Amino acid sequence: MGAHPVGMDLSTRQLQHAKELMARAGVSFPLVNADAERTPFADESFDVVFCDHGATTFADPYRSIPEAARLLRPGGLFAFNIESPIHFVCWNDEKETVDDRLHLDYFGMHKWEDDESVNFMLPYGEWIRLFRATGLELEDLIEPRPGANARSTYLDFASIGWARRWPGENIWKLRKPR
């Protein structure tokens, strides 16, 4: 049987980049230019929905999470990776890095805009309530922590030392009940 992947992004530049990578790898599958808050796919179209720092960061979670749930077949898996709320509140705008102090309020987080982008973030409890409201069951919350010999090319996101003390990212694993 095998998988039948479909790539989706709001950015045509990202889709062009994906097309180039697919050509180099000798693979081909559909790429769709669409908004994660309103996809063109029918209900229960997919067994797996996965997002890595994409729509779950840049789209309103009160729209994108219900949309992901709508797309899943019963028993389907929804997994996504986002910046952790801890990283978010420890971001020091003046230094343009995270540090060991809280710079933003934890409660009331939702939409954050600057000159270059729009990001969305929720406190942990709000994420869980949103998942429940959309009928998704939480299977796991993974908070990656770098090992002793870890290296990173993302030092502008967080130093390895910082990420060993606090989670910079969250990987949520959810399931749509059968």
N, C-alpha and C. Protein backbone atom coordinates (compact mmCIF):
# COMPACT_ATOMS: atom_id res chain seq x y z
N MET A 1 0.84 -1.18 0.00
CA MET A 1 0.00 0.00 0.00
C MET A 1 0.88 1.24 0.00
N GLY A 2 1.51 1.59 1.09
CA GLY A 2 2.40 2.74 1.13
C GLY A 2 1.68 4.04 1.37
N ALA A 3 2.46 5.06 1.53
CA ALA A 3 1.92 6.40 1.81
C ALA A 3 1.69 7.16 0.51
N HIS A 4 0.77 8.09 0.57
CA HIS A 4 0.48 8.99 -0.54
C HIS A 4 0.57 10.42 -0.01
N PRO A 5 1.80 10.96 0.09
CA PRO A 5 1.97 12.28 0.69
C PRO A 5 1.42 13.40 -0.19
N VAL A 6 1.05 14.46 0.48
CA VAL A 6 0.65 15.71 -0.16
C VAL A 6 1.33 16.82 0.63
N GLY A 7 2.04 17.69 -0.05
CA GLY A 7 2.65 18.84 0.60
C GLY A 7 1.77 20.06 0.44
N MET A 8 1.72 20.88 1.47
CA MET A 8 0.88 22.07 1.40
C MET A 8 1.61 23.23 2.08
N ASP A 9 1.52 24.41 1.46
CA ASP A 9 2.10 25.61 2.05
C ASP A 9 1.39 26.81 1.48
N LEU A 10 1.34 27.86 2.27
CA LEU A 10 0.77 29.13 1.81
C LEU A 10 1.77 29.87 0.93
N SER A 11 3.06 29.60 1.12
CA SER A 11 4.13 30.29 0.40
C SER A 11 4.47 29.58 -0.91
N THR A 12 4.33 30.30 -2.01
CA THR A 12 4.70 29.72 -3.31
C THR A 12 6.21 29.50 -3.39
N ARG A 13 6.99 30.33 -2.71
CA ARG A 13 8.45 30.14 -2.68
C ARG A 13 8.81 28.83 -1.98
N GLN A 14 8.13 28.53 -0.88
CA GLN A 14 8.40 27.27 -0.18
C GLN A 14 8.02 26.08 -1.06
N LEU A 15 6.92 26.20 -1.77
CA LEU A 15 6.50 25.11 -2.66
C LEU A 15 7.49 24.92 -3.80
N GLN A 16 8.02 26.01 -4.34
CA GLN A 16 9.03 25.91 -5.40
C GLN A 16 10.29 25.22 -4.86
N HIS A 17 10.68 25.59 -3.66
CA HIS A 17 11.84 24.94 -3.02
C HIS A 17 11.57 23.44 -2.84
N ALA A 18 10.38 23.10 -2.39
CA ALA A 18 10.01 21.68 -2.23
C ALA A 18 10.07 20.95 -3.56
N LYS A 19 9.59 21.59 -4.61
CA LYS A 19 9.61 20.97 -5.94
C LYS A 19 11.05 20.68 -6.38
N GLU A 20 11.96 21.62 -6.12
CA GLU A 20 13.37 21.42 -6.47
C GLU A 20 13.98 20.27 -5.66
N LEU A 21 13.67 20.21 -4.38
CA LEU A 21 14.19 19.11 -3.54
C LEU A 21 13.62 17.76 -3.98
N MET A 22 12.35 17.74 -4.34
CA MET A 22 11.74 16.49 -4.81
C MET A 22 12.42 16.02 -6.09
N ALA A 23 12.71 16.94 -7.01
CA ALA A 23 13.37 16.58 -8.26
C ALA A 23 14.75 15.98 -7.98
N ARG A 24 15.50 16.59 -7.07
CA ARG A 24 16.83 16.07 -6.72
C ARG A 24 16.74 14.68 -6.10
N ALA A 25 15.69 14.45 -5.32
CA ALA A 25 15.52 13.15 -4.65
C ALA A 25 14.85 12.11 -5.53
N GLY A 26 14.35 12.53 -6.69
CA GLY A 26 13.69 11.60 -7.60
C GLY A 26 12.33 11.14 -7.12
N VAL A 27 11.63 12.00 -6.38
CA VAL A 27 10.28 11.68 -5.92
C VAL A 27 9.30 12.73 -6.44
N SER A 28 8.06 12.36 -6.46
CA SER A 28 7.03 13.29 -6.91
C SER A 28 5.73 13.02 -6.17
N PHE A 29 5.14 14.09 -5.68
CA PHE A 29 3.82 14.02 -5.07
C PHE A 29 3.20 15.41 -5.16
N PRO A 30 1.89 15.51 -4.98
CA PRO A 30 1.22 16.80 -5.15
C PRO A 30 1.69 17.84 -4.12
N LEU A 31 1.84 19.07 -4.60
CA LEU A 31 2.11 20.22 -3.75
C LEU A 31 0.97 21.20 -3.94
N VAL A 32 0.38 21.63 -2.85
CA VAL A 32 -0.82 22.46 -2.89
C VAL A 32 -0.56 23.79 -2.21
N ASN A 33 -0.90 24.87 -2.90
CA ASN A 33 -0.80 26.22 -2.34
C ASN A 33 -2.13 26.52 -1.65
N ALA A 34 -2.12 26.51 -0.31
CA ALA A 34 -3.37 26.71 0.43
C ALA A 34 -3.09 27.23 1.83
N ASP A 35 -4.12 27.77 2.43
CA ASP A 35 -4.10 28.30 3.79
C ASP A 35 -4.50 27.19 4.75
N ALA A 36 -3.71 26.98 5.79
CA ALA A 36 -3.97 25.91 6.76
C ALA A 36 -5.25 26.13 7.56
N GLU A 37 -5.77 27.35 7.54
CA GLU A 37 -7.02 27.62 8.24
C GLU A 37 -8.24 27.23 7.41
N ARG A 38 -8.04 27.06 6.08
CA ARG A 38 -9.13 26.71 5.17
C ARG A 38 -8.54 25.92 4.00
N THR A 39 -8.34 24.63 4.20
CA THR A 39 -7.71 23.82 3.14
C THR A 39 -8.76 23.41 2.10
N PRO A 40 -8.30 23.01 0.90
CA PRO A 40 -9.23 22.59 -0.14
C PRO A 40 -9.60 21.10 -0.07
N PHE A 41 -9.18 20.41 0.96
CA PHE A 41 -9.38 18.97 1.04
C PHE A 41 -10.70 18.61 1.71
N ALA A 42 -11.23 17.45 1.32
CA ALA A 42 -12.49 16.95 1.89
C ALA A 42 -12.27 16.47 3.32
N ASP A 43 -13.36 16.38 4.07
CA ASP A 43 -13.31 15.82 5.42
C ASP A 43 -12.68 14.43 5.37
N GLU A 44 -11.92 14.10 6.42
CA GLU A 44 -11.32 12.77 6.59
C GLU A 44 -10.51 12.32 5.38
N SER A 45 -9.68 13.22 4.86
CA SER A 45 -8.84 12.92 3.69
C SER A 45 -7.53 12.23 4.01
N PHE A 46 -7.05 12.34 5.26
CA PHE A 46 -5.69 11.89 5.56
C PHE A 46 -5.63 11.02 6.82
N ASP A 47 -4.68 10.08 6.81
CA ASP A 47 -4.39 9.27 7.99
C ASP A 47 -3.41 9.99 8.92
N VAL A 48 -2.57 10.85 8.35
CA VAL A 48 -1.57 11.59 9.11
C VAL A 48 -1.55 13.04 8.64
N VAL A 49 -1.52 13.95 9.58
CA VAL A 49 -1.27 15.37 9.30
C VAL A 49 -0.05 15.74 10.13
N PHE A 50 0.97 16.29 9.46
CA PHE A 50 2.23 16.64 10.14
C PHE A 50 2.61 18.07 9.77
N CYS A 51 3.10 18.79 10.75
CA CYS A 51 3.55 20.17 10.52
C CYS A 51 4.79 20.44 11.37
N ASP A 52 5.84 20.94 10.74
CA ASP A 52 7.08 21.26 11.45
C ASP A 52 7.31 22.77 11.38
N HIS A 53 6.95 23.47 12.45
CA HIS A 53 7.14 24.92 12.55
C HIS A 53 6.51 25.68 11.38
N GLY A 54 5.46 25.21 10.83
CA GLY A 54 4.81 25.89 9.72
C GLY A 54 3.51 26.51 10.16
N ALA A 55 2.43 25.99 9.62
CA ALA A 55 1.10 26.55 9.87
C ALA A 55 0.74 26.59 11.34
N THR A 56 1.24 25.65 12.13
CA THR A 56 0.90 25.67 13.56
C THR A 56 1.60 26.80 14.30
N THR A 57 2.50 27.50 13.62
CA THR A 57 3.14 28.69 14.17
C THR A 57 2.55 29.96 13.58
N PHE A 58 2.31 29.96 12.27
CA PHE A 58 1.93 31.19 11.57
C PHE A 58 0.44 31.34 11.32
N ALA A 59 -0.34 30.32 11.60
CA ALA A 59 -1.80 30.39 11.43
C ALA A 59 -2.45 30.38 12.81
N ASP A 60 -3.62 30.97 12.89
CA ASP A 60 -4.34 31.03 14.17
C ASP A 60 -4.71 29.61 14.60
N PRO A 61 -4.22 29.15 15.75
CA PRO A 61 -4.50 27.77 16.17
C PRO A 61 -5.98 27.50 16.39
N TYR A 62 -6.77 28.53 16.68
CA TYR A 62 -8.20 28.32 16.86
C TYR A 62 -8.90 28.04 15.52
N ARG A 63 -8.16 28.21 14.43
CA ARG A 63 -8.67 27.84 13.11
C ARG A 63 -7.91 26.65 12.51
N SER A 64 -6.58 26.66 12.67
CA SER A 64 -5.78 25.61 12.03
C SER A 64 -5.90 24.25 12.72
N ILE A 65 -6.02 24.22 14.03
CA ILE A 65 -6.14 22.93 14.74
C ILE A 65 -7.47 22.25 14.41
N PRO A 66 -8.61 22.97 14.46
CA PRO A 66 -9.87 22.32 14.04
C PRO A 66 -9.83 21.86 12.58
N GLU A 67 -9.13 22.62 11.73
CA GLU A 67 -9.01 22.23 10.33
C GLU A 67 -8.20 20.94 10.20
N ALA A 68 -7.12 20.81 10.93
CA ALA A 68 -6.33 19.57 10.91
C ALA A 68 -7.18 18.40 11.41
N ALA A 69 -7.96 18.61 12.46
CA ALA A 69 -8.83 17.56 12.98
C ALA A 69 -9.87 17.15 11.94
N ARG A 70 -10.39 18.11 11.20
CA ARG A 70 -11.38 17.83 10.15
C ARG A 70 -10.78 16.95 9.06
N LEU A 71 -9.51 17.18 8.75
CA LEU A 71 -8.85 16.45 7.67
C LEU A 71 -8.52 15.00 8.02
N LEU A 72 -8.41 14.71 9.31
CA LEU A 72 -8.01 13.37 9.76
C LEU A 72 -9.14 12.35 9.67
N ARG A 73 -8.78 11.16 9.23
CA ARG A 73 -9.71 10.04 9.31
C ARG A 73 -9.75 9.57 10.76
N PRO A 74 -10.82 8.87 11.17
CA PRO A 74 -10.85 8.30 12.52
C PRO A 74 -9.62 7.43 12.76
N GLY A 75 -8.99 7.61 13.91
CA GLY A 75 -7.76 6.90 14.23
C GLY A 75 -6.51 7.60 13.71
N GLY A 76 -6.69 8.71 12.98
CA GLY A 76 -5.57 9.41 12.37
C GLY A 76 -4.68 10.13 13.36
N LEU A 77 -3.43 10.33 12.96
CA LEU A 77 -2.40 10.97 13.78
C LEU A 77 -2.17 12.41 13.32
N PHE A 78 -2.14 13.32 14.28
CA PHE A 78 -1.75 14.71 14.02
C PHE A 78 -0.53 14.99 14.89
N ALA A 79 0.59 15.29 14.26
CA ALA A 79 1.82 15.60 14.99
C ALA A 79 2.35 16.93 14.48
N PHE A 80 2.75 17.78 15.41
CA PHE A 80 3.33 19.05 15.00
C PHE A 80 4.36 19.53 16.00
N ASN A 81 5.29 20.32 15.47
CA ASN A 81 6.41 20.85 16.23
C ASN A 81 6.31 22.37 16.23
N ILE A 82 6.40 22.96 17.41
CA ILE A 82 6.34 24.42 17.53
C ILE A 82 7.34 24.88 18.59
N GLU A 83 7.57 26.17 18.59
CA GLU A 83 8.33 26.79 19.67
C GLU A 83 7.59 26.56 20.97
N SER A 84 8.31 26.31 22.05
CA SER A 84 7.64 26.10 23.34
C SER A 84 7.21 27.44 23.93
N PRO A 85 6.13 27.45 24.70
CA PRO A 85 5.74 28.69 25.38
C PRO A 85 6.85 29.24 26.28
N ILE A 86 7.68 28.35 26.83
CA ILE A 86 8.78 28.81 27.68
C ILE A 86 9.78 29.61 26.86
N HIS A 87 10.15 29.10 25.70
CA HIS A 87 11.06 29.84 24.81
C HIS A 87 10.43 31.18 24.45
N PHE A 88 9.15 31.15 24.15
CA PHE A 88 8.43 32.36 23.73
C PHE A 88 8.51 33.45 24.80
N VAL A 89 8.25 33.12 26.06
CA VAL A 89 8.23 34.14 27.11
C VAL A 89 9.64 34.54 27.56
N CYS A 90 10.65 33.74 27.22
CA CYS A 90 12.04 34.07 27.57
C CYS A 90 12.76 34.81 26.44
N TRP A 91 12.06 35.11 25.36
CA TRP A 91 12.69 35.81 24.24
C TRP A 91 12.97 37.26 24.63
N ASN A 92 14.23 37.67 24.50
CA ASN A 92 14.66 39.02 24.80
C ASN A 92 14.75 39.79 23.49
N ASP A 93 13.77 40.65 23.25
CA ASP A 93 13.71 41.40 21.99
C ASP A 93 14.93 42.28 21.78
N GLU A 94 15.41 42.90 22.84
CA GLU A 94 16.57 43.80 22.71
C GLU A 94 17.82 43.05 22.27
N LYS A 95 18.04 41.87 22.83
CA LYS A 95 19.23 41.07 22.50
C LYS A 95 18.99 40.13 21.32
N GLU A 96 17.74 39.99 20.90
CA GLU A 96 17.32 39.09 19.83
C GLU A 96 17.78 37.66 20.08
N THR A 97 17.55 37.22 21.31
CA THR A 97 17.86 35.84 21.70
C THR A 97 17.07 35.51 22.96
N VAL A 98 17.08 34.24 23.34
CA VAL A 98 16.45 33.86 24.61
C VAL A 98 17.48 34.00 25.72
N ASP A 99 16.98 34.24 26.92
CA ASP A 99 17.86 34.22 28.09
C ASP A 99 17.10 33.59 29.24
N ASP A 100 17.63 33.72 30.45
CA ASP A 100 17.04 33.02 31.59
C ASP A 100 16.07 33.89 32.38
N ARG A 101 15.44 34.85 31.71
CA ARG A 101 14.44 35.71 32.35
C ARG A 101 13.15 35.70 31.53
N LEU A 102 12.06 35.96 32.22
CA LEU A 102 10.77 36.07 31.55
C LEU A 102 10.62 37.50 31.04
N HIS A 103 10.30 37.65 29.76
CA HIS A 103 10.16 38.97 29.14
C HIS A 103 8.73 39.25 28.69
N LEU A 104 7.94 38.22 28.57
CA LEU A 104 6.55 38.37 28.14
C LEU A 104 5.64 37.68 29.15
N ASP A 105 4.39 38.10 29.18
CA ASP A 105 3.41 37.45 30.04
C ASP A 105 3.05 36.08 29.46
N TYR A 106 2.92 35.11 30.33
CA TYR A 106 2.54 33.75 29.92
C TYR A 106 1.04 33.69 29.63
N PHE A 107 0.25 34.22 30.52
CA PHE A 107 -1.20 34.17 30.33
C PHE A 107 -1.63 35.25 29.35
N GLY A 108 -2.58 34.90 28.51
CA GLY A 108 -3.07 35.86 27.52
C GLY A 108 -2.31 35.82 26.21
N MET A 109 -1.34 34.90 26.08
CA MET A 109 -0.61 34.79 24.81
C MET A 109 -1.58 34.35 23.72
N HIS A 110 -1.44 34.89 22.56
CA HIS A 110 -2.19 34.42 21.41
C HIS A 110 -1.47 34.85 20.13
N LYS A 111 -1.65 36.10 19.74
CA LYS A 111 -1.08 36.58 18.48
C LYS A 111 0.06 37.55 18.78
N TRP A 112 1.18 37.35 18.09
CA TRP A 112 2.35 38.20 18.26
C TRP A 112 2.79 38.66 16.88
N GLU A 113 2.79 39.97 16.67
CA GLU A 113 3.18 40.52 15.38
C GLU A 113 4.41 41.40 15.52
N ASP A 114 5.28 41.33 14.51
CA ASP A 114 6.36 42.30 14.41
C ASP A 114 6.44 42.73 12.95
N ASP A 115 7.48 43.42 12.57
CA ASP A 115 7.58 43.95 11.21
C ASP A 115 7.70 42.86 10.15
N GLU A 116 8.19 41.69 10.53
CA GLU A 116 8.48 40.65 9.55
C GLU A 116 7.52 39.47 9.55
N SER A 117 6.81 39.24 10.65
CA SER A 117 5.99 38.03 10.70
C SER A 117 4.88 38.14 11.74
N VAL A 118 4.00 37.17 11.68
CA VAL A 118 2.95 36.99 12.68
C VAL A 118 3.13 35.59 13.23
N ASN A 119 3.16 35.47 14.54
CA ASN A 119 3.27 34.18 15.21
C ASN A 119 2.14 34.02 16.21
N PHE A 120 1.77 32.78 16.44
CA PHE A 120 0.74 32.48 17.42
C PHE A 120 1.33 31.56 18.48
N MET A 121 0.94 31.79 19.72
CA MET A 121 1.40 30.97 20.83
C MET A 121 0.30 30.94 21.88
N LEU A 122 0.14 29.78 22.49
CA LEU A 122 -0.83 29.61 23.57
C LEU A 122 -0.14 29.02 24.79
N PRO A 123 -0.66 29.29 25.98
CA PRO A 123 -0.18 28.58 27.17
C PRO A 123 -0.55 27.09 27.04
N TYR A 124 0.17 26.24 27.77
CA TYR A 124 -0.07 24.79 27.68
C TYR A 124 -1.54 24.41 27.91
N GLY A 125 -2.16 24.98 28.93
CA GLY A 125 -3.55 24.65 29.22
C GLY A 125 -4.49 25.00 28.08
N GLU A 126 -4.23 26.12 27.40
CA GLU A 126 -5.06 26.51 26.26
C GLU A 126 -4.91 25.53 25.10
N TRP A 127 -3.66 25.09 24.85
CA TRP A 127 -3.46 24.08 23.81
C TRP A 127 -4.31 22.84 24.12
N ILE A 128 -4.23 22.36 25.34
CA ILE A 128 -4.95 21.13 25.71
C ILE A 128 -6.46 21.32 25.59
N ARG A 129 -6.98 22.45 26.04
CA ARG A 129 -8.42 22.71 25.90
C ARG A 129 -8.83 22.79 24.44
N LEU A 130 -7.98 23.37 23.60
CA LEU A 130 -8.26 23.45 22.17
C LEU A 130 -8.29 22.05 21.55
N PHE A 131 -7.34 21.21 21.90
CA PHE A 131 -7.34 19.84 21.38
C PHE A 131 -8.63 19.11 21.77
N ARG A 132 -9.01 19.21 23.02
CA ARG A 132 -10.23 18.55 23.49
C ARG A 132 -11.47 19.09 22.77
N ALA A 133 -11.52 20.40 22.59
CA ALA A 133 -12.68 21.02 21.93
C ALA A 133 -12.82 20.56 20.48
N THR A 134 -11.70 20.18 19.85
CA THR A 134 -11.75 19.72 18.47
C THR A 134 -11.83 18.20 18.36
N GLY A 135 -11.93 17.52 19.50
CA GLY A 135 -12.09 16.07 19.50
C GLY A 135 -10.79 15.30 19.37
N LEU A 136 -9.66 15.96 19.55
CA LEU A 136 -8.37 15.27 19.47
C LEU A 136 -7.93 14.79 20.85
N GLU A 137 -7.31 13.63 20.88
CA GLU A 137 -6.79 13.07 22.13
C GLU A 137 -5.28 13.24 22.17
N LEU A 138 -4.78 13.77 23.27
CA LEU A 138 -3.35 13.97 23.44
C LEU A 138 -2.67 12.65 23.78
N GLU A 139 -1.74 12.21 22.94
CA GLU A 139 -0.97 10.99 23.20
C GLU A 139 0.37 11.30 23.85
N ASP A 140 0.97 12.42 23.46
CA ASP A 140 2.28 12.74 24.02
C ASP A 140 2.63 14.20 23.76
N LEU A 141 3.43 14.73 24.65
CA LEU A 141 4.07 16.03 24.48
C LEU A 141 5.56 15.78 24.69
N ILE A 142 6.31 15.92 23.63
CA ILE A 142 7.75 15.67 23.67
C ILE A 142 8.47 17.01 23.72
N GLU A 143 9.37 17.13 24.69
CA GLU A 143 10.16 18.35 24.85
C GLU A 143 11.63 17.98 24.61
N PRO A 144 12.09 18.07 23.35
CA PRO A 144 13.45 17.63 23.04
C PRO A 144 14.50 18.37 23.87
N ARG A 145 15.48 17.61 24.30
CA ARG A 145 16.59 18.16 25.09
C ARG A 145 17.89 17.67 24.46
N PRO A 146 18.81 18.59 24.13
CA PRO A 146 20.06 18.17 23.49
C PRO A 146 20.90 17.28 24.40
N GLY A 147 21.50 16.27 23.81
CA GLY A 147 22.39 15.38 24.55
C GLY A 147 23.76 16.00 24.77
N ALA A 148 24.63 15.24 25.41
CA ALA A 148 25.97 15.73 25.79
C ALA A 148 26.81 16.16 24.59
N ASN A 149 26.71 15.47 23.48
CA ASN A 149 27.53 15.78 22.30
C ASN A 149 26.75 16.49 21.20
N ALA A 150 25.63 17.09 21.54
CA ALA A 150 24.78 17.73 20.55
C ALA A 150 25.45 18.94 19.92
N ARG A 151 25.13 19.15 18.65
CA ARG A 151 25.53 20.35 17.92
C ARG A 151 24.29 20.95 17.30
N SER A 152 24.34 22.22 16.98
CA SER A 152 23.17 22.86 16.39
C SER A 152 23.59 23.89 15.35
N THR A 153 22.79 23.99 14.32
CA THR A 153 22.95 25.07 13.35
C THR A 153 21.91 26.16 13.60
N TYR A 154 21.15 26.03 14.68
CA TYR A 154 20.08 26.97 15.00
C TYR A 154 20.40 27.76 16.26
N LEU A 155 21.63 28.21 16.40
CA LEU A 155 22.03 28.90 17.61
C LEU A 155 21.36 30.26 17.77
N ASP A 156 20.80 30.80 16.69
CA ASP A 156 20.04 32.05 16.82
C ASP A 156 18.68 31.78 17.48
N PHE A 157 18.24 30.54 17.52
CA PHE A 157 16.99 30.17 18.18
C PHE A 157 17.22 30.00 19.68
N ALA A 158 18.24 29.23 20.04
CA ALA A 158 18.60 29.02 21.44
C ALA A 158 19.97 28.34 21.49
N SER A 159 20.77 28.72 22.45
CA SER A 159 22.05 28.03 22.63
C SER A 159 21.78 26.62 23.14
N ILE A 160 22.73 25.74 22.92
CA ILE A 160 22.59 24.37 23.42
C ILE A 160 22.49 24.38 24.94
N GLY A 161 23.26 25.24 25.60
CA GLY A 161 23.19 25.34 27.06
C GLY A 161 21.81 25.74 27.54
N TRP A 162 21.19 26.69 26.85
CA TRP A 162 19.83 27.11 27.21
C TRP A 162 18.86 25.94 27.02
N ALA A 163 18.97 25.28 25.87
CA ALA A 163 18.04 24.19 25.54
C ALA A 163 18.23 22.97 26.43
N ARG A 164 19.34 22.86 27.10
CA ARG A 164 19.52 21.77 28.07
C ARG A 164 18.79 22.07 29.37
N ARG A 165 18.51 23.34 29.62
CA ARG A 165 17.82 23.73 30.86
C ARG A 165 16.31 23.87 30.66
N TRP A 166 15.89 24.32 29.48
CA TRP A 166 14.47 24.57 29.21
C TRP A 166 14.13 24.09 27.80
N PRO A 167 12.91 23.63 27.58
CA PRO A 167 12.55 23.18 26.23
C PRO A 167 12.35 24.36 25.29
N GLY A 168 13.06 24.32 24.17
CA GLY A 168 12.88 25.34 23.14
C GLY A 168 11.76 25.00 22.19
N GLU A 169 11.46 23.71 22.10
CA GLU A 169 10.42 23.24 21.18
C GLU A 169 9.51 22.24 21.89
N ASN A 170 8.32 22.12 21.33
CA ASN A 170 7.37 21.10 21.76
C ASN A 170 6.95 20.30 20.54
N ILE A 171 6.90 19.00 20.68
CA ILE A 171 6.33 18.13 19.65
C ILE A 171 5.06 17.54 20.25
N TRP A 172 3.93 17.90 19.68
CA TRP A 172 2.63 17.42 20.15
C TRP A 172 2.22 16.23 19.28
N LYS A 173 1.76 15.17 19.93
CA LYS A 173 1.27 13.97 19.24
C LYS A 173 -0.18 13.76 19.66
N LEU A 174 -1.08 13.86 18.67
CA LEU A 174 -2.52 13.79 18.93
C LEU A 174 -3.17 12.74 18.04
N ARG A 175 -4.29 12.24 18.47
CA ARG A 175 -5.00 11.22 17.71
C ARG A 175 -6.48 11.58 17.64
N LYS A 176 -7.06 11.35 16.46
CA LYS A 176 -8.51 11.49 16.31
C LYS A 176 -9.12 10.14 16.66
N PRO A 177 -10.02 10.09 17.64
CA PRO A 177 -10.60 8.80 18.05
C PRO A 177 -11.31 8.09 16.89
N ARG A 178 -11.35 6.77 17.00
CA ARG A 178 -12.06 5.95 15.98
C ARG A 178 -13.55 6.06 16.17
